[in-house]
N, C-alpha and C. Protein backbone atom coordinates (compact mmCIF):
# COMPACT_ATOMS: atom_id res chain seq x y z
N MET A 1 -131.41 -218.06 92.77
CA MET A 1 -131.79 -217.58 91.47
C MET A 1 -133.27 -217.51 91.16
N ALA A 2 -133.79 -216.59 90.47
CA ALA A 2 -135.35 -216.35 90.40
C ALA A 2 -135.27 -217.44 89.03
N ASN A 3 -136.97 -217.46 89.38
CA ASN A 3 -137.55 -218.21 88.16
C ASN A 3 -137.39 -217.45 87.07
N LEU A 4 -137.28 -217.92 85.85
CA LEU A 4 -137.26 -217.29 84.62
C LEU A 4 -138.82 -216.33 84.13
N GLU A 5 -140.01 -217.46 84.69
CA GLU A 5 -141.16 -216.66 84.56
C GLU A 5 -141.10 -215.28 85.24
N GLN A 6 -140.75 -215.37 86.60
CA GLN A 6 -141.02 -214.02 87.25
C GLN A 6 -139.85 -213.00 86.65
N GLN A 7 -139.03 -213.10 86.15
CA GLN A 7 -138.00 -212.26 85.58
C GLN A 7 -138.30 -211.65 84.34
N LEU A 8 -139.42 -212.41 83.36
CA LEU A 8 -139.92 -211.61 82.24
C LEU A 8 -141.09 -210.78 82.38
N PRO A 9 -141.05 -209.63 81.46
CA PRO A 9 -142.05 -208.97 81.68
C PRO A 9 -143.45 -209.60 81.42
N LYS A 10 -144.40 -209.05 81.57
CA LYS A 10 -145.85 -209.60 81.52
C LYS A 10 -146.35 -209.11 80.14
N MET A 11 -146.92 -209.74 79.41
CA MET A 11 -147.47 -209.39 77.87
C MET A 11 -148.78 -208.56 77.96
N ASN A 12 -149.43 -208.51 79.20
CA ASN A 12 -150.93 -207.83 78.87
C ASN A 12 -150.53 -206.29 79.07
N TYR A 13 -150.84 -205.75 77.84
CA TYR A 13 -150.48 -204.54 77.97
C TYR A 13 -151.82 -203.63 78.03
N PHE A 14 -152.82 -204.11 78.39
CA PHE A 14 -154.38 -203.75 78.62
C PHE A 14 -154.74 -204.41 79.64
N PRO A 15 -154.31 -204.46 81.03
CA PRO A 15 -154.87 -205.08 82.05
C PRO A 15 -156.21 -204.91 82.51
N GLU A 16 -156.78 -203.83 82.13
CA GLU A 16 -158.14 -203.31 82.25
C GLU A 16 -158.96 -204.48 81.65
N LYS A 17 -158.74 -204.54 80.47
CA LYS A 17 -159.31 -205.14 79.32
C LYS A 17 -159.33 -206.56 79.29
N ASP A 18 -157.80 -206.97 79.95
CA ASP A 18 -157.60 -208.40 79.77
C ASP A 18 -157.29 -208.83 78.28
N VAL A 19 -156.77 -207.96 77.69
CA VAL A 19 -156.50 -208.17 76.10
C VAL A 19 -154.84 -208.09 76.01
N LEU A 20 -154.40 -208.82 75.12
CA LEU A 20 -153.06 -209.10 74.80
C LEU A 20 -153.00 -208.45 73.58
N HIS A 21 -151.62 -207.94 73.12
CA HIS A 21 -151.12 -206.93 72.13
C HIS A 21 -150.70 -207.89 71.05
N SER A 22 -151.18 -207.49 69.79
CA SER A 22 -150.45 -208.28 68.67
C SER A 22 -149.26 -208.21 68.60
N PRO A 23 -148.38 -209.09 67.97
CA PRO A 23 -146.93 -208.88 68.07
C PRO A 23 -146.61 -208.18 67.19
N LEU A 24 -145.31 -207.52 67.03
CA LEU A 24 -144.84 -206.27 66.74
C LEU A 24 -144.11 -206.97 65.18
N LEU A 25 -143.62 -208.10 65.35
CA LEU A 25 -143.10 -208.81 64.26
C LEU A 25 -143.39 -210.54 64.24
N VAL A 26 -143.59 -210.79 62.92
CA VAL A 26 -143.85 -212.23 62.46
C VAL A 26 -143.20 -212.51 61.54
N VAL A 27 -142.28 -213.93 61.67
CA VAL A 27 -141.28 -214.11 60.66
C VAL A 27 -141.45 -215.57 60.34
N GLU A 28 -141.93 -215.78 58.80
CA GLU A 28 -142.53 -217.22 58.57
C GLU A 28 -141.41 -217.54 57.66
N VAL A 29 -140.81 -218.72 57.66
CA VAL A 29 -139.96 -219.53 56.89
C VAL A 29 -140.59 -220.69 55.73
N VAL A 30 -140.51 -220.26 54.56
CA VAL A 30 -141.26 -220.68 53.53
C VAL A 30 -140.83 -222.13 53.30
N SER A 31 -141.62 -223.06 53.45
CA SER A 31 -141.28 -224.37 52.68
C SER A 31 -142.30 -224.86 51.43
N GLN A 32 -142.23 -225.73 50.62
CA GLN A 32 -142.97 -225.86 49.69
C GLN A 32 -144.38 -225.99 49.82
N SER A 33 -144.97 -226.77 51.28
CA SER A 33 -146.15 -226.58 51.23
C SER A 33 -146.81 -225.75 51.93
N THR A 34 -146.03 -224.55 52.11
CA THR A 34 -146.75 -223.19 52.74
C THR A 34 -146.61 -221.96 51.79
N LYS A 35 -145.75 -222.32 50.72
CA LYS A 35 -145.21 -221.12 50.02
C LYS A 35 -146.46 -220.29 49.59
N SER A 36 -147.49 -220.53 49.05
CA SER A 36 -148.54 -219.99 48.90
C SER A 36 -149.54 -219.34 50.02
N ASP A 37 -149.51 -219.84 51.01
CA ASP A 37 -150.00 -219.26 52.32
C ASP A 37 -149.35 -218.42 52.77
N ASP A 38 -147.83 -218.40 52.81
CA ASP A 38 -146.79 -217.42 53.15
C ASP A 38 -146.96 -215.88 52.76
N HIS A 39 -147.19 -216.29 51.11
CA HIS A 39 -147.17 -214.91 50.66
C HIS A 39 -148.26 -214.39 50.03
N ARG A 40 -149.48 -214.96 50.36
CA ARG A 40 -150.78 -214.53 49.98
C ARG A 40 -151.79 -214.29 51.42
N SER A 41 -152.25 -215.71 51.77
CA SER A 41 -153.58 -215.54 52.90
C SER A 41 -152.96 -214.75 53.95
N LYS A 42 -151.51 -215.54 54.54
CA LYS A 42 -151.06 -214.82 55.80
C LYS A 42 -150.77 -213.48 55.86
N ARG A 43 -150.31 -212.78 54.46
CA ARG A 43 -150.24 -211.26 54.71
C ARG A 43 -151.50 -210.71 54.64
N ALA A 44 -152.54 -211.16 54.32
CA ALA A 44 -153.94 -210.56 54.52
C ALA A 44 -154.16 -210.80 56.11
N GLU A 45 -154.18 -211.91 56.64
CA GLU A 45 -154.48 -212.07 57.79
C GLU A 45 -153.60 -211.23 58.61
N TYR A 46 -152.57 -211.11 58.65
CA TYR A 46 -151.50 -210.17 59.55
C TYR A 46 -151.82 -208.68 59.44
N GLY A 47 -152.29 -208.30 58.12
CA GLY A 47 -152.66 -206.87 57.89
C GLY A 47 -154.11 -206.54 58.87
N LEU A 48 -155.06 -207.74 58.75
CA LEU A 48 -156.12 -207.68 59.69
C LEU A 48 -155.80 -207.28 61.29
N LEU A 49 -154.80 -208.09 61.55
CA LEU A 49 -154.14 -207.80 62.76
C LEU A 49 -153.39 -206.93 63.36
N GLU A 50 -152.97 -205.94 62.17
CA GLU A 50 -152.18 -204.87 62.19
C GLU A 50 -150.92 -204.89 63.01
N ILE A 51 -150.48 -206.27 62.34
CA ILE A 51 -149.01 -206.65 62.76
C ILE A 51 -148.17 -205.58 61.88
N PRO A 52 -147.32 -204.70 62.41
CA PRO A 52 -146.78 -203.85 61.64
C PRO A 52 -145.31 -204.39 60.77
N GLU A 53 -144.84 -205.32 61.08
CA GLU A 53 -143.92 -206.18 60.22
C GLU A 53 -143.80 -207.52 60.08
N TYR A 54 -143.64 -207.98 58.82
CA TYR A 54 -143.80 -209.20 58.58
C TYR A 54 -142.48 -209.62 57.62
N TRP A 55 -141.82 -210.81 57.91
CA TRP A 55 -140.95 -211.40 57.04
C TRP A 55 -141.21 -212.36 56.55
N ILE A 56 -140.77 -212.67 55.47
CA ILE A 56 -140.95 -214.22 54.40
C ILE A 56 -139.49 -214.33 54.48
N VAL A 57 -138.88 -215.80 54.81
CA VAL A 57 -137.66 -216.23 54.64
C VAL A 57 -137.90 -217.44 54.00
N ALA A 58 -137.04 -217.58 52.72
CA ALA A 58 -137.16 -218.46 51.67
C ALA A 58 -135.64 -218.78 51.85
N PRO A 59 -135.23 -219.84 52.72
CA PRO A 59 -133.61 -220.31 52.73
C PRO A 59 -133.52 -221.02 51.36
N PRO A 60 -133.88 -221.99 50.48
CA PRO A 60 -133.23 -222.26 49.69
C PRO A 60 -132.75 -221.08 48.63
N GLY A 61 -133.37 -220.14 48.28
CA GLY A 61 -132.80 -219.31 47.48
C GLY A 61 -132.22 -218.22 48.21
N GLY A 62 -132.16 -218.17 49.31
CA GLY A 62 -131.59 -216.91 49.90
C GLY A 62 -132.60 -215.53 50.04
N LYS A 63 -133.57 -215.76 49.47
CA LYS A 63 -134.53 -214.67 49.60
C LYS A 63 -135.28 -214.35 50.99
N VAL A 64 -135.51 -213.17 51.17
CA VAL A 64 -135.87 -212.24 52.50
C VAL A 64 -136.91 -211.29 51.91
N THR A 65 -138.21 -211.28 52.09
CA THR A 65 -138.94 -210.48 51.67
C THR A 65 -139.46 -210.04 53.31
N LEU A 66 -139.15 -208.33 53.14
CA LEU A 66 -139.88 -207.66 54.56
C LEU A 66 -141.02 -206.82 54.04
N CYS A 67 -141.71 -207.06 54.52
CA CYS A 67 -143.36 -206.35 54.62
C CYS A 67 -143.64 -205.55 55.80
N ILE A 68 -143.75 -204.26 55.44
CA ILE A 68 -144.10 -203.04 56.51
C ILE A 68 -145.68 -202.74 56.13
N LEU A 69 -146.31 -202.81 57.17
CA LEU A 69 -147.88 -202.18 57.07
C LEU A 69 -147.87 -200.69 56.99
N GLU A 70 -148.45 -200.25 55.81
CA GLU A 70 -148.69 -198.67 55.52
C GLU A 70 -149.87 -198.74 55.17
N HIS A 71 -150.78 -198.06 55.71
CA HIS A 71 -152.40 -197.83 55.87
C HIS A 71 -153.01 -198.69 55.29
N GLN A 72 -153.06 -199.95 56.35
CA GLN A 72 -153.60 -201.47 56.30
C GLN A 72 -153.36 -202.13 55.11
N PHE A 73 -152.25 -201.92 54.45
CA PHE A 73 -151.35 -202.70 53.23
C PHE A 73 -150.26 -202.79 53.47
N TYR A 74 -149.29 -203.91 52.95
CA TYR A 74 -147.95 -204.31 53.17
C TYR A 74 -147.26 -203.65 52.00
N ASP A 75 -146.48 -202.83 52.09
CA ASP A 75 -145.19 -202.44 51.20
C ASP A 75 -144.31 -203.57 51.48
N PHE A 76 -143.60 -204.03 50.19
CA PHE A 76 -142.76 -205.08 50.52
C PHE A 76 -141.24 -205.08 50.08
N THR A 77 -140.10 -205.25 50.37
CA THR A 77 -139.00 -205.30 49.64
C THR A 77 -138.55 -206.41 49.74
N GLU A 78 -137.64 -206.93 48.67
CA GLU A 78 -137.23 -208.39 48.49
C GLU A 78 -135.70 -208.04 48.54
N TYR A 79 -135.05 -208.77 49.16
CA TYR A 79 -133.37 -208.97 49.42
C TYR A 79 -133.45 -210.48 48.78
N HIS A 80 -132.24 -210.54 48.26
CA HIS A 80 -131.44 -211.85 47.44
C HIS A 80 -130.40 -212.24 48.06
N ASP A 81 -129.64 -213.39 48.09
CA ASP A 81 -128.75 -213.67 48.34
C ASP A 81 -127.37 -213.31 47.55
N ALA A 82 -126.01 -212.71 47.70
CA ALA A 82 -125.30 -211.77 46.83
C ALA A 82 -124.53 -212.76 46.01
N GLN A 83 -124.44 -214.04 46.43
CA GLN A 83 -123.72 -215.25 46.06
C GLN A 83 -124.30 -215.62 44.49
């Protein structure tokens, strides 16, 4: 059986520059201590890193906010638990 590391693809998308690509999706699970950062400052940071999609998951209320990067800013849609 082959080693798992050998089976996974390398994440180096620009081998000639030795640069790693930003993630395509970030998911943040909100807690009381990170609520402000998850909704404000991290959104700005992820926009600068050009991360195309950012989800904010708030388990206590069943709310998920999907943020899609459009022209350097995130458009967002909120989904709430139907219960």
